[in-house]
Every structure is written in structure tokens, then in C-alpha cells.
């Protein structure tokens, strides 16, 4: 069994990483500071405690979030097993009884003979790196101040953020190409941006919608003081009716080819990935609720049928400048024994956090066994998330959740429904092949089909192939 692996944090990522290592025969010491030291959001000492919604989003594998769940299920995810066994009615979504779910994860980890759950705070990384062969840091957005300082000393204070300001991103094929046009402000930089032009009437109507939109309240533990350049658009709109027109919506140097005249205002969309399948709304950080974002932003010319891969948010977070710091095993460049997982790496969401924990747990297990099986490619959702984390230009890096815009596009154009089916089939076929390649006698038990709370195998419910 060799030396144990130390994992810091028993949230979604840490719990999943511990499970993946233990089921492959590796000893784990899982450090969790609760209940000795509570965070401002947690209420219990349970592993994988939910602190926000109890929904894990869609179960439909032709949805990006559903595909990620299917990929995790194929790879023996503890988080997926517990979620299915504690599910509550939620239509096509997977929602759980939060208490039963966290208790199930805690019980499974506690019962495994290779996992030791240690209830103590880890204030620094260096002592663990001296004592353990490998260390996985999965402490999430509420990383303790002492450990945050330790990480900052190791990677540089400028490489660790303490809040995120995410602007919405739209799928390129959902834009109205007869309305949006390519150009850069001031006529500089070529035609790098897509522009959504607004008339005077459209602009002032949009401002009123922004001013009246419902926003997400801050949690008690959140006190945001973002930079002036990252202010939510609703804060800018409240400062005056033309503040946005002189800020992120300024039309300077733009000509609407439909009219031959400058628009009164414009929303610029910036390409977010090399495949040009994702475009971000420049300067549109917001705390509007997600339904309100869809309602308000679809009034912008060119976005009437926009499909949002990512919706905006502005909240307390802790995450690394991962493209600059982490390699493809999510290990720190220059210190390959230290890995990161979960929201610290720059993913958003329960299942996304679990996915990085699963990925890192497997990569560490393979390294300890002297093996290097192929990694999932960006044709899979888990591979695409990892690719985003390590390959996004550092200056543009912001946390990301699962969406089809991250996946390698098909070689030939497909209708949207056909494309989703293609993405799902291709991803699950690839992961099936990789699972067969990874399997080796004595390294882990044969995966068993997961069952929901009624004892019905997940495969029979049609959510896994």
C-alpha cells in the first residue's frame, strides 16, 4: 500500500479524491477542520456538506451537467452514488436530501479501511509535504486564512484570488449573425470582437430592465469590495442612465453595417476559446439572478435566442491562477507532489468540484503505481474542464462550470439537437475505452452499477449508457 496520501478538505473534491485513491488500494489521511473549526457557511461536521442549493442540476446526459454526471458514474464516483441514493423528487434534475447525502458520504468514507478521517486544521502546506509522498489540497472557496496565507507564500500572493467576477458566456451558434457584427472599438485590433448594436430606445429600455432586475443577496460571510473595473452592471446602471454607455457599452469607433451609422451603445462579445464556440459578454459582471439574466440579456439585439453556457456571478471565492500554476495532473509546476482539486482550481459547482477530485485522485493513484494511462481529452466534459483550467490564457482566467462550449466541436456542422447527442455519445465512448485501458488486476475492485434509494440501477433509469 505504500505511504499514505494526505488530502486537505473533506468537501466534494476531497471526499471524491479520497474515495478514488482508497478503492485503488492506497491509504489516505483526509484532514477536515470541522467541527474543531467551523467556516462561516457550514453548519455540521459532515463530509461533502451542501452549503447552497440541494440541486445538482440536470440528469439528462444530453445536457452538459447531465453528461458530466454520466462520466462520473462510469468512473465509480462516490459523490454520484450518494446523490442517487439520497435523491428527492426534482423532475429531470438531481436533487438530494442534504442531510442524508452528507451523512452517506461521511459513512462511506469512515467505513473504508484505507481512509483515516482526521479532524484537525491544516494551517500550512510545508509540514505535510515533508511527511507525505503526495498532498492534495481541496479546501474550496472558504479556505482558512492561515492556509490561504500558506498557499499565497508558495505560489505568490498575486496568483490567489479571493472573489470572482464572472461575466456571462454564450454559445456562438446561438447568436443572431444577421445582427451582430465583427469590429474592435476605435478601429484598432482588427475584427476581434462581435458587437451587439443598440439604438437609443433599446439602450434606455435595457438600462431600466437592469435597474429593476432581481439580484442575489450576499451571504452573511460575504463582504465584497471589487475593483472599480469589476463592478456589477446593475451598480453602474444605478449611478446614472448613461453610465453603461460610457462604460462597458461604449460604441466608440463602431459602425453598424446594417445602418452605416454608429450605434447608440453596443455590447461586445469576446472569443473565449480557440474553437470559437464560446463568447463572453465584456464587462458584464452581475449579481442578477440567473432567470433575470436570461430575461434581461435576451433583450439585447443579437441575443434574443442566446444559449448561455455560463451566467454571471460575483461572490467570495478562493481560486488559483491555475493556467500559470498547474500542470495537466493539476499538480503545482515545480512541486509535482502537491495537487489541487475542487473550486481552488477554478471550477464552479458541486459536480464540477467532484469531477476534479476524481480526476486528481486517479492521477495520483496512477503515479503511485508507476502508471500513466491516457488522460480524457476535451471531447469529454471532465477532460474539457481540465483543459480549460490549465490552458486558458492566464489574463482571461475565471471560474468555469460544465458546458458544451468547452468540448471539442464536431468536424462537420450539426443541428443543435444532433450536436448534443453527438457530444454525449462521443464522450461516453471515449471514457468507456479509457476505463478499459486503466483497469488492471489488483489495482481496484470492479465497478458496480450504482443504485438509487429504491434499489433501481442507474442504467435502468436511462441516465447512464
Protein backbone atom coordinates (compact mmCIF):
# COMPACT_ATOMS: atom_id res chain seq x y z
CA UNK A 1 0.00 0.00 0.00
CA UNK A 2 2.97 2.33 0.46
CA UNK A 3 2.90 5.73 2.13
CA UNK A 4 -0.46 7.43 2.65
CA UNK A 5 -1.63 10.39 0.62
CA UNK A 6 -2.69 13.49 2.56
CA UNK A 7 -5.86 15.25 1.42
CA UNK A 8 -6.84 18.60 2.91
CA UNK A 9 -10.58 19.25 2.93
CA UNK A 10 -13.46 16.76 3.01
CA UNK A 11 -15.78 18.65 0.69
CA UNK A 12 -16.91 17.31 -2.67
CA UNK A 13 -13.45 17.28 -4.25
CA UNK A 14 -11.53 15.98 -1.24
CA UNK A 15 -14.08 13.25 -0.48
CA UNK A 16 -14.08 12.08 -4.09
CA UNK A 17 -10.28 12.09 -4.33
CA UNK A 18 -10.02 10.07 -1.13
CA UNK A 19 -12.51 7.51 -2.43
CA UNK A 20 -10.76 7.10 -5.77
CA UNK A 21 -7.40 6.51 -4.09
CA UNK A 22 -8.76 4.10 -1.48
CA UNK A 23 -10.73 2.00 -3.96
CA UNK A 24 -7.48 1.51 -5.84
CA UNK A 25 -5.70 0.26 -2.72
CA UNK A 26 -3.96 3.43 -1.49
CA UNK A 27 -4.02 4.70 2.08
CA UNK A 28 -5.44 8.16 2.63
CA UNK A 29 -5.35 10.57 5.54
CA UNK A 30 -8.21 13.00 4.99
CA UNK A 31 -7.91 16.23 7.01
CA UNK A 32 -11.09 18.17 7.82
CA UNK A 33 -11.01 21.04 10.30
CA UNK A 34 -14.73 20.89 11.08
CA UNK A 35 -16.09 20.72 13.78
CA UNK A 36 -12.93 21.85 15.61
CA UNK A 37 -13.03 24.97 13.46
CA UNK A 38 -16.19 25.82 11.54
CA UNK A 39 -16.45 28.02 8.45
CA UNK A 40 -18.97 30.84 8.18
CA UNK A 41 -21.12 28.77 5.81
CA UNK A 42 -21.03 25.20 7.18
CA UNK A 43 -23.31 24.03 9.96
CA UNK A 44 -22.25 20.40 10.53
CA UNK A 45 -19.13 18.25 10.73
CA UNK A 46 -20.27 16.04 7.84
CA UNK A 47 -18.16 15.47 4.74
CA UNK A 48 -19.48 16.95 1.47
CA UNK A 49 -21.94 19.21 3.31
CA UNK A 50 -24.04 21.28 0.92
CA UNK A 51 -23.92 24.98 1.76
CA UNK A 52 -26.14 26.32 -1.02
CA UNK A 53 -28.76 24.64 -3.21
CA UNK A 54 -29.56 20.93 -2.87
CA UNK A 55 -29.76 20.60 -6.66
CA UNK A 56 -27.00 19.02 -8.73
CA UNK A 57 -28.75 20.19 -11.93
CA UNK A 58 -29.83 18.04 -14.86
CA UNK A 59 -29.62 14.26 -15.07
CA UNK A 60 -30.21 14.26 -18.82
CA UNK A 61 -26.93 13.10 -20.43
CA UNK A 62 -27.66 15.32 -23.44
CA UNK A 63 -27.29 18.29 -21.10
CA UNK A 64 -23.76 19.41 -20.20
CA UNK A 65 -24.31 18.88 -16.47
CA UNK A 66 -26.01 15.54 -17.10
CA UNK A 67 -23.12 14.41 -19.28
CA UNK A 68 -20.64 15.20 -16.51
CA UNK A 69 -22.70 13.12 -14.08
CA UNK A 70 -22.74 10.22 -16.54
CA UNK A 71 -18.97 10.46 -16.92
CA UNK A 72 -18.52 10.37 -13.15
CA UNK A 73 -20.85 7.41 -12.85
CA UNK A 74 -18.79 5.46 -15.36
CA UNK A 75 -15.71 6.05 -13.21
CA UNK A 76 -17.11 4.93 -9.86
CA UNK A 77 -17.84 8.30 -8.27
CA UNK A 78 -18.74 8.25 -4.58
CA UNK A 79 -20.49 11.62 -4.90
CA UNK A 80 -22.76 10.31 -7.66
CA UNK A 81 -23.50 7.12 -5.77
CA UNK A 82 -24.50 9.04 -2.63
CA UNK A 83 -26.55 11.57 -4.60
CA UNK A 84 -28.57 8.89 -6.38
CA UNK A 85 -29.22 7.02 -3.16
CA UNK A 86 -30.48 10.14 -1.35
CA UNK A 87 -32.35 11.78 -4.24
CA UNK A 88 -35.61 13.67 -3.76
CA UNK A 89 -38.19 14.38 -6.50
CA UNK A 90 -36.95 17.15 -8.80
CA UNK A 91 -38.14 16.34 -12.32
CA UNK A 92 -35.20 15.90 -14.70
CA UNK A 93 -32.80 17.38 -12.17
CA UNK A 94 -30.91 15.50 -9.48
CA UNK A 95 -31.68 16.99 -6.08
CA UNK A 96 -30.80 15.38 -2.76
CA UNK A 97 -31.82 15.31 0.86
CA UNK A 98 -28.87 17.39 2.04
CA UNK A 99 -28.56 15.77 5.45
CA UNK A 100 -28.87 12.20 4.20
CA UNK A 101 -26.48 12.90 1.33
CA UNK A 102 -23.67 14.27 3.51
CA UNK A 103 -24.23 11.50 6.06
CA UNK A 104 -23.98 8.88 3.30
CA UNK A 105 -20.67 10.29 2.05
CA UNK A 106 -19.32 10.54 5.60
CA UNK A 107 -20.37 6.98 6.44
CA UNK A 108 -18.82 5.54 3.27
CA UNK A 109 -15.51 7.30 3.87
CA UNK A 110 -15.48 6.41 7.55
CA UNK A 111 -16.15 2.74 6.86
CA UNK A 112 -13.32 2.32 4.35
CA UNK A 113 -10.32 0.65 5.99
CA UNK A 114 -7.81 2.66 3.95
CA UNK A 115 -9.24 6.10 4.81
CA UNK A 116 -8.39 7.84 8.10
CA UNK A 117 -10.51 10.94 8.71
CA UNK A 118 -8.52 13.37 10.83
CA UNK A 119 -10.46 16.21 12.46
CA UNK A 120 -7.82 18.92 12.60
CA UNK A 121 -6.95 22.12 10.81
CA UNK A 122 -4.00 22.20 8.42
CA UNK A 123 -2.56 25.72 8.70
CA UNK A 124 0.36 25.21 6.30
CA UNK A 125 1.36 23.00 3.36
CA UNK A 126 5.09 22.60 4.06
CA UNK A 127 4.78 20.18 7.03
CA UNK A 128 2.52 17.87 5.03
CA UNK A 129 4.85 17.90 2.03
CA UNK A 130 7.66 16.78 4.36
CA UNK A 131 5.58 13.93 5.83
CA UNK A 132 3.62 12.56 2.85
CA UNK A 133 4.51 11.27 -0.59
CA UNK A 134 1.68 13.28 -2.15
CA UNK A 135 -0.62 16.05 -0.93
CA UNK A 136 -3.97 17.07 -2.44
CA UNK A 137 -5.33 20.46 -1.39
CA UNK A 138 -9.11 20.64 -1.86
CA UNK A 139 -10.18 23.24 0.68
CA UNK A 140 -12.62 25.15 -1.52
CA UNK A 141 -13.74 28.79 -1.58
CA UNK A 142 -13.73 29.11 2.23
CA UNK A 143 -10.11 28.07 2.71
CA UNK A 144 -8.98 29.14 6.19
CA UNK A 145 -6.95 32.37 6.45
CA UNK A 146 -3.86 30.52 7.70
CA UNK A 147 -3.86 28.01 4.85
CA UNK A 148 -4.65 30.75 2.32
CA UNK A 149 -1.54 32.59 3.52
CA UNK A 150 0.49 29.40 3.20
CA UNK A 151 -0.71 28.87 -0.37
CA UNK A 152 -0.04 32.51 -1.22
CA UNK A 153 3.52 32.25 0.10
CA UNK A 154 4.07 29.21 -2.09
CA UNK A 155 2.54 30.46 -5.35
CA UNK A 156 2.75 34.24 -4.91
CA UNK A 157 0.02 36.44 -3.48
CA UNK A 158 -0.92 37.74 -6.93
CA UNK A 159 -1.76 34.18 -8.06
CA UNK A 160 -4.52 33.65 -5.50
CA UNK A 161 -7.88 35.40 -5.89
CA UNK A 162 -10.40 35.90 -3.09
CA UNK A 163 -13.51 36.71 -5.12
CA UNK A 164 -14.58 36.15 -8.67
CA UNK A 165 -16.34 38.42 -11.10
CA UNK A 166 -17.74 36.30 -13.90
CA UNK A 167 -19.46 37.74 -16.95
CA UNK A 168 -21.96 35.58 -18.88
CA UNK A 169 -20.79 33.49 -21.82
CA UNK A 170 -22.97 32.50 -24.76
CA UNK A 171 -22.69 29.67 -27.25
CA UNK A 172 -21.56 31.04 -30.60
CA UNK A 173 -24.12 29.10 -32.62
CA UNK A 174 -26.99 30.72 -30.68
CA UNK A 175 -26.10 34.28 -31.78
CA UNK A 176 -28.11 36.11 -34.46
CA UNK A 177 -25.40 36.56 -37.06
CA UNK A 178 -27.51 38.95 -39.10
CA UNK A 179 -27.45 41.38 -36.18
CA UNK A 180 -24.05 41.04 -34.52
CA UNK A 181 -21.03 42.27 -36.45
CA UNK A 182 -17.25 41.99 -36.14
CA UNK A 183 -15.19 45.03 -35.21
CA UNK A 184 -12.96 46.46 -32.50
CA UNK A 185 -13.50 49.78 -30.77
CA UNK A 186 -11.52 52.74 -32.12
CA UNK A 187 -10.88 50.73 -35.29
CA UNK A 188 -7.92 49.06 -33.61
CA UNK A 189 -7.04 45.41 -33.19
CA UNK A 190 -8.76 44.07 -36.27
CA UNK A 191 -12.17 42.40 -36.09
CA UNK A 192 -11.57 40.54 -32.85
CA UNK A 193 -14.94 41.25 -31.18
CA UNK A 194 -18.55 40.53 -32.00
CA UNK A 195 -20.75 43.55 -31.35
CA UNK A 196 -24.45 43.75 -30.47
CA UNK A 197 -25.67 47.24 -31.52
CA UNK A 198 -28.40 49.10 -29.60
CA UNK A 199 -30.44 52.14 -30.65
CA UNK A 200 -31.12 54.92 -28.16
CA UNK A 201 -34.55 53.47 -27.35
CA UNK A 202 -33.18 49.93 -26.98
CA UNK A 203 -30.40 51.13 -24.71
CA UNK A 204 -32.59 53.07 -22.26
CA UNK A 205 -35.10 50.22 -22.14
CA UNK A 206 -32.21 47.86 -21.31
CA UNK A 207 -30.98 50.17 -18.53
CA UNK A 208 -34.43 50.21 -16.94
CA UNK A 209 -34.58 46.42 -17.07
CA UNK A 210 -31.17 46.17 -15.40
CA UNK A 211 -32.20 48.64 -12.67
CA UNK A 212 -35.35 46.70 -11.93
CA UNK A 213 -33.87 43.20 -12.06
CA UNK A 214 -33.79 40.92 -9.02
CA UNK A 215 -30.30 40.35 -7.64
CA UNK A 216 -28.75 37.64 -5.48
CA UNK A 217 -28.25 38.83 -1.89
CA UNK A 218 -24.84 38.49 -0.30
CA UNK A 219 -24.33 35.73 2.24
CA UNK A 220 -23.60 36.85 5.78
CA UNK A 221 -19.94 35.92 5.34
CA UNK A 222 -19.50 37.81 2.06
CA UNK A 223 -18.23 41.37 2.08
CA UNK A 224 -17.27 42.16 -1.49
CA UNK A 225 -15.11 45.11 -2.36
CA UNK A 226 -14.42 44.52 -6.04
CA UNK A 227 -12.15 46.72 -8.10
CA UNK A 228 -13.82 49.61 -9.87
CA UNK A 229 -13.28 47.81 -13.19
CA UNK A 230 -15.22 44.76 -11.96
CA UNK A 231 -18.34 46.47 -10.63
CA UNK A 232 -21.64 44.72 -11.40
CA UNK A 233 -23.51 46.32 -14.29
CA UNK A 234 -26.51 46.99 -12.04
CA UNK A 235 -24.26 49.12 -9.79
CA UNK A 236 -23.07 51.07 -12.83
CA UNK A 237 -26.64 51.49 -14.11
CA UNK A 238 -27.71 52.86 -10.73
CA UNK A 239 -25.09 55.62 -10.98
CA UNK A 240 -26.83 57.24 -13.92
CA UNK A 241 -28.79 56.41 -17.08
CA UNK A 242 -25.80 56.77 -19.41
CA UNK A 243 -23.09 55.24 -17.19
CA UNK A 244 -23.15 51.96 -19.10
CA UNK A 245 -22.99 53.80 -22.45
CA UNK A 246 -19.76 55.43 -21.28
CA UNK A 247 -18.51 52.19 -19.72
CA UNK A 248 -18.76 48.60 -20.96
CA UNK A 249 -21.33 49.55 -23.64
CA UNK A 250 -19.48 52.48 -25.21
CA UNK A 251 -19.77 52.37 -29.04
CA UNK A 252 -16.69 54.45 -29.88
CA UNK A 253 -15.32 53.61 -33.33
CA UNK A 254 -18.04 51.08 -34.20
CA UNK A 255 -20.21 51.23 -37.31
CA UNK A 256 -23.33 49.08 -37.61
CA UNK A 257 -23.12 47.62 -41.14
CA UNK A 258 -26.93 47.42 -41.32
CA UNK A 259 -27.31 51.20 -41.00
CA UNK A 260 -23.87 52.57 -41.87
CA UNK A 261 -24.00 54.63 -38.67
CA UNK A 262 -22.60 54.27 -35.16
CA UNK A 263 -24.98 52.55 -32.73
CA UNK A 264 -26.02 54.47 -29.62
CA UNK A 265 -24.47 51.72 -27.49
CA UNK A 266 -23.03 48.25 -28.03
CA UNK A 267 -22.38 45.06 -26.10
CA UNK A 268 -19.08 43.48 -27.07
CA UNK A 269 -18.56 39.71 -27.10
CA UNK A 270 -15.03 38.35 -26.77
CA UNK A 271 -13.92 34.93 -28.01
CA UNK A 272 -13.24 32.69 -25.00
CA UNK A 273 -11.71 29.56 -26.53
CA UNK A 274 -9.65 28.57 -29.56
CA UNK A 275 -12.56 26.71 -31.17
CA UNK A 276 -14.60 29.97 -31.10
CA UNK A 277 -17.62 28.20 -29.64
CA UNK A 278 -17.83 30.46 -26.57
CA UNK A 279 -18.13 34.24 -26.39
CA UNK A 280 -18.06 36.28 -23.16
CA UNK A 281 -20.02 39.49 -22.58
CA UNK A 282 -17.24 42.01 -21.95
CA UNK A 283 -17.60 43.96 -18.71
CA UNK A 284 -20.94 42.35 -17.80
CA UNK A 285 -20.22 41.10 -14.28
CA UNK A 286 -23.51 40.92 -12.44
CA UNK A 287 -25.30 39.72 -9.33
CA UNK A 288 -28.65 39.43 -11.09
CA UNK A 289 -30.35 36.09 -10.50
CA UNK A 290 -29.89 33.59 -13.30
CA UNK A 291 -33.52 33.75 -14.54
CA UNK A 292 -33.27 37.55 -14.59
CA UNK A 293 -30.02 37.41 -16.56
CA UNK A 294 -31.66 35.29 -19.23
CA UNK A 295 -34.70 37.58 -19.37
CA UNK A 296 -32.78 40.86 -19.43
CA UNK A 297 -29.85 39.89 -21.65
CA UNK A 298 -32.07 38.35 -24.32
CA UNK A 299 -33.48 41.83 -24.96
CA UNK A 300 -30.07 42.83 -26.36
CA UNK A 301 -30.14 42.78 -30.19
CA UNK A 302 -28.42 39.64 -31.42
CA UNK A 303 -29.02 37.73 -28.17
CA UNK A 304 -32.76 37.06 -28.49
CA UNK A 305 -32.14 33.30 -28.75
CA UNK A 306 -28.86 33.23 -26.82
CA UNK A 307 -27.99 30.00 -25.07
CA UNK A 308 -25.90 30.83 -22.02
CA UNK A 309 -23.06 28.42 -21.29
CA UNK A 310 -22.13 30.44 -18.19
CA UNK A 311 -24.19 33.01 -16.32
CA UNK A 312 -22.69 35.92 -14.44
CA UNK A 313 -21.78 35.96 -10.78
CA UNK A 314 -19.86 37.99 -8.28
CA UNK A 315 -19.12 36.36 -4.97
CA UNK A 316 -16.48 35.46 -2.46
CA UNK A 317 -14.23 32.73 -3.74
CA UNK A 318 -10.69 31.47 -3.44
CA UNK A 319 -9.03 30.16 -6.56
CA UNK A 320 -5.63 29.87 -8.14
CA UNK A 321 -4.25 31.34 -11.34
CA UNK A 322 -4.34 27.72 -12.49
CA UNK A 323 -3.22 28.14 -16.13
CA UNK A 324 0.04 29.61 -14.87
CA UNK A 325 0.49 27.35 -11.85
CA UNK A 326 -0.87 23.86 -12.57
CA UNK A 327 0.12 21.09 -14.97
CA UNK A 328 -2.19 18.57 -16.64
CA UNK A 329 -2.31 16.45 -13.48
CA UNK A 330 -3.43 19.59 -11.57
CA UNK A 331 -0.10 19.47 -9.76
CA UNK A 332 1.86 22.60 -8.93
CA UNK A 333 4.55 23.27 -11.51
CA UNK A 334 7.88 22.79 -9.78
CA UNK A 335 6.34 20.77 -6.92
CA UNK A 336 4.75 17.77 -8.57
CA UNK A 337 3.86 16.15 -5.23
CA UNK A 338 1.30 18.90 -4.47
CA UNK A 339 -2.01 18.70 -6.33
CA UNK A 340 -5.09 20.89 -6.15
CA UNK A 341 -8.73 19.95 -6.69
CA UNK A 342 -12.18 21.49 -6.47
CA UNK A 343 -13.04 25.16 -6.61
CA UNK A 344 -9.47 26.13 -5.79
CA UNK A 345 -8.58 25.09 -9.35
CA UNK A 346 -11.19 27.35 -10.95
CA UNK A 347 -14.29 25.22 -11.44
CA UNK A 348 -17.79 26.17 -10.32
CA UNK A 349 -20.42 23.79 -8.99
CA UNK A 350 -20.83 20.71 -6.83
CA UNK A 351 -20.38 18.13 -9.57
CA UNK A 352 -17.56 20.03 -11.26
CA UNK A 353 -15.69 20.07 -7.93
CA UNK A 354 -16.25 16.34 -7.50
CA UNK A 355 -15.03 15.78 -11.07
CA UNK A 356 -11.68 17.43 -10.39
CA UNK A 357 -11.36 15.41 -7.18
CA UNK A 358 -12.00 12.22 -9.10
CA UNK A 359 -9.53 13.22 -11.81
CA UNK A 360 -6.76 14.13 -9.34
CA UNK A 361 -7.40 11.07 -7.19
CA UNK A 362 -6.98 8.83 -10.21
CA UNK A 363 -3.87 10.64 -11.48
CA UNK A 364 -2.19 10.40 -8.06
CA UNK A 365 -3.10 6.70 -7.82
CA UNK A 366 -1.58 6.02 -11.23
CA UNK A 367 1.58 7.92 -10.32
CA UNK A 368 2.00 5.92 -7.12
CA UNK A 369 1.60 2.74 -9.16
CA UNK A 370 4.15 3.88 -11.74
CA UNK A 371 1.50 4.08 -14.43
CA UNK A 372 0.50 6.88 -16.78
CA UNK A 373 -2.72 5.89 -18.59
CA UNK A 374 -4.11 8.33 -21.19
CA UNK A 375 -5.97 11.35 -19.87
CA UNK A 376 -9.53 12.08 -21.03
CA UNK A 377 -9.47 14.51 -23.94
CA UNK A 378 -11.54 17.71 -24.33
CA UNK A 379 -14.06 15.53 -26.16
CA UNK A 380 -15.19 14.53 -22.65
CA UNK A 381 -16.63 17.00 -20.18
CA UNK A 382 -14.13 16.15 -17.46
CA UNK A 383 -11.24 16.42 -19.93
CA UNK A 384 -12.60 19.73 -21.24
CA UNK A 385 -12.80 21.18 -17.73
CA UNK A 386 -9.20 20.19 -17.04
CA UNK A 387 -8.11 21.65 -20.38
CA UNK A 388 -9.85 24.91 -19.50
CA UNK A 389 -8.16 25.02 -16.10
CA UNK A 390 -4.64 24.55 -17.41
CA UNK A 391 -4.76 26.05 -20.92
CA UNK A 392 -6.89 29.22 -20.71
CA UNK A 393 -4.80 32.37 -21.15
CA UNK A 394 -3.95 33.46 -17.62
CA UNK A 395 -5.16 37.04 -18.12
CA UNK A 396 -8.66 35.80 -19.06
CA UNK A 397 -9.00 33.05 -16.46
CA UNK A 398 -12.18 32.99 -14.37
CA UNK A 399 -14.00 30.06 -12.73
CA UNK A 400 -15.99 27.85 -15.11
CA UNK A 401 -18.78 25.28 -14.88
CA UNK A 402 -19.64 22.43 -17.25
CA UNK A 403 -20.98 23.50 -20.64
CA UNK A 404 -20.95 22.16 -24.17
CA UNK A 405 -18.95 25.16 -25.37
CA UNK A 406 -15.85 23.66 -23.73
CA UNK A 407 -15.96 20.46 -25.77
CA UNK A 408 -14.01 19.84 -28.97
CA UNK A 409 -16.52 20.74 -31.71
CA UNK A 410 -17.61 18.14 -34.26
CA UNK A 411 -15.70 18.04 -37.55
CA UNK A 412 -18.90 18.70 -39.53
CA UNK A 413 -21.70 21.18 -38.68
CA UNK A 414 -24.63 19.59 -36.89
CA UNK A 415 -28.06 20.82 -35.79
CA UNK A 416 -28.16 21.72 -32.10
CA UNK A 417 -30.10 18.62 -31.01
CA UNK A 418 -27.89 16.36 -33.12
CA UNK A 419 -24.80 18.07 -31.71
CA UNK A 420 -25.81 17.37 -28.11
CA UNK A 421 -26.43 13.70 -28.87
CA UNK A 422 -23.09 13.56 -30.70
CA UNK A 423 -21.25 15.15 -27.76
CA UNK A 424 -22.78 12.67 -25.33
CA UNK A 425 -22.13 9.58 -27.43
CA UNK A 426 -18.55 10.59 -28.23
CA UNK A 427 -17.66 11.45 -24.60
CA UNK A 428 -19.06 8.27 -23.09
CA UNK A 429 -17.47 6.09 -25.77
CA UNK A 430 -14.08 7.64 -25.06
CA UNK A 431 -14.40 7.26 -21.30
CA UNK A 432 -15.53 3.67 -21.74
CA UNK A 433 -12.36 2.96 -23.73
CA UNK A 434 -10.19 4.70 -21.11
CA UNK A 435 -11.78 2.76 -18.27
CA UNK A 436 -10.93 -0.49 -20.05
CA UNK A 437 -7.35 0.69 -20.60
CA UNK A 438 -6.98 1.76 -16.98
CA UNK A 439 -8.30 -1.47 -15.48
CA UNK A 440 -5.55 -3.71 -14.18
CA UNK A 441 -5.74 -6.70 -11.82
CA UNK A 442 -5.29 -5.81 -8.17
CA UNK A 443 -5.48 -2.04 -8.53
CA UNK A 444 -9.16 -1.59 -7.75
CA UNK A 445 -12.41 -3.51 -7.43
CA UNK A 446 -14.57 -3.96 -10.48
CA UNK A 447 -17.04 -1.04 -10.68
CA UNK A 448 -20.54 -1.97 -9.60
CA UNK A 449 -23.69 -0.38 -11.05
CA UNK A 450 -24.97 2.37 -8.78
CA UNK A 451 -28.48 2.11 -7.38
CA UNK A 452 -30.86 4.83 -6.31
CA UNK A 453 -32.70 4.89 -3.00
CA UNK A 454 -35.28 2.39 -4.32
CA UNK A 455 -32.63 -0.10 -5.39
CA UNK A 456 -33.10 0.62 -9.10
CA UNK A 457 -29.84 0.52 -11.07
CA UNK A 458 -28.99 3.89 -12.59
CA UNK A 459 -28.57 2.28 -16.01
CA UNK A 460 -32.23 1.24 -15.97
CA UNK A 461 -33.30 4.83 -15.41
CA UNK A 462 -31.69 5.80 -18.69
CA UNK A 463 -29.15 8.23 -17.28
CA UNK A 464 -26.06 6.15 -17.98
CA UNK A 465 -25.21 4.12 -21.10
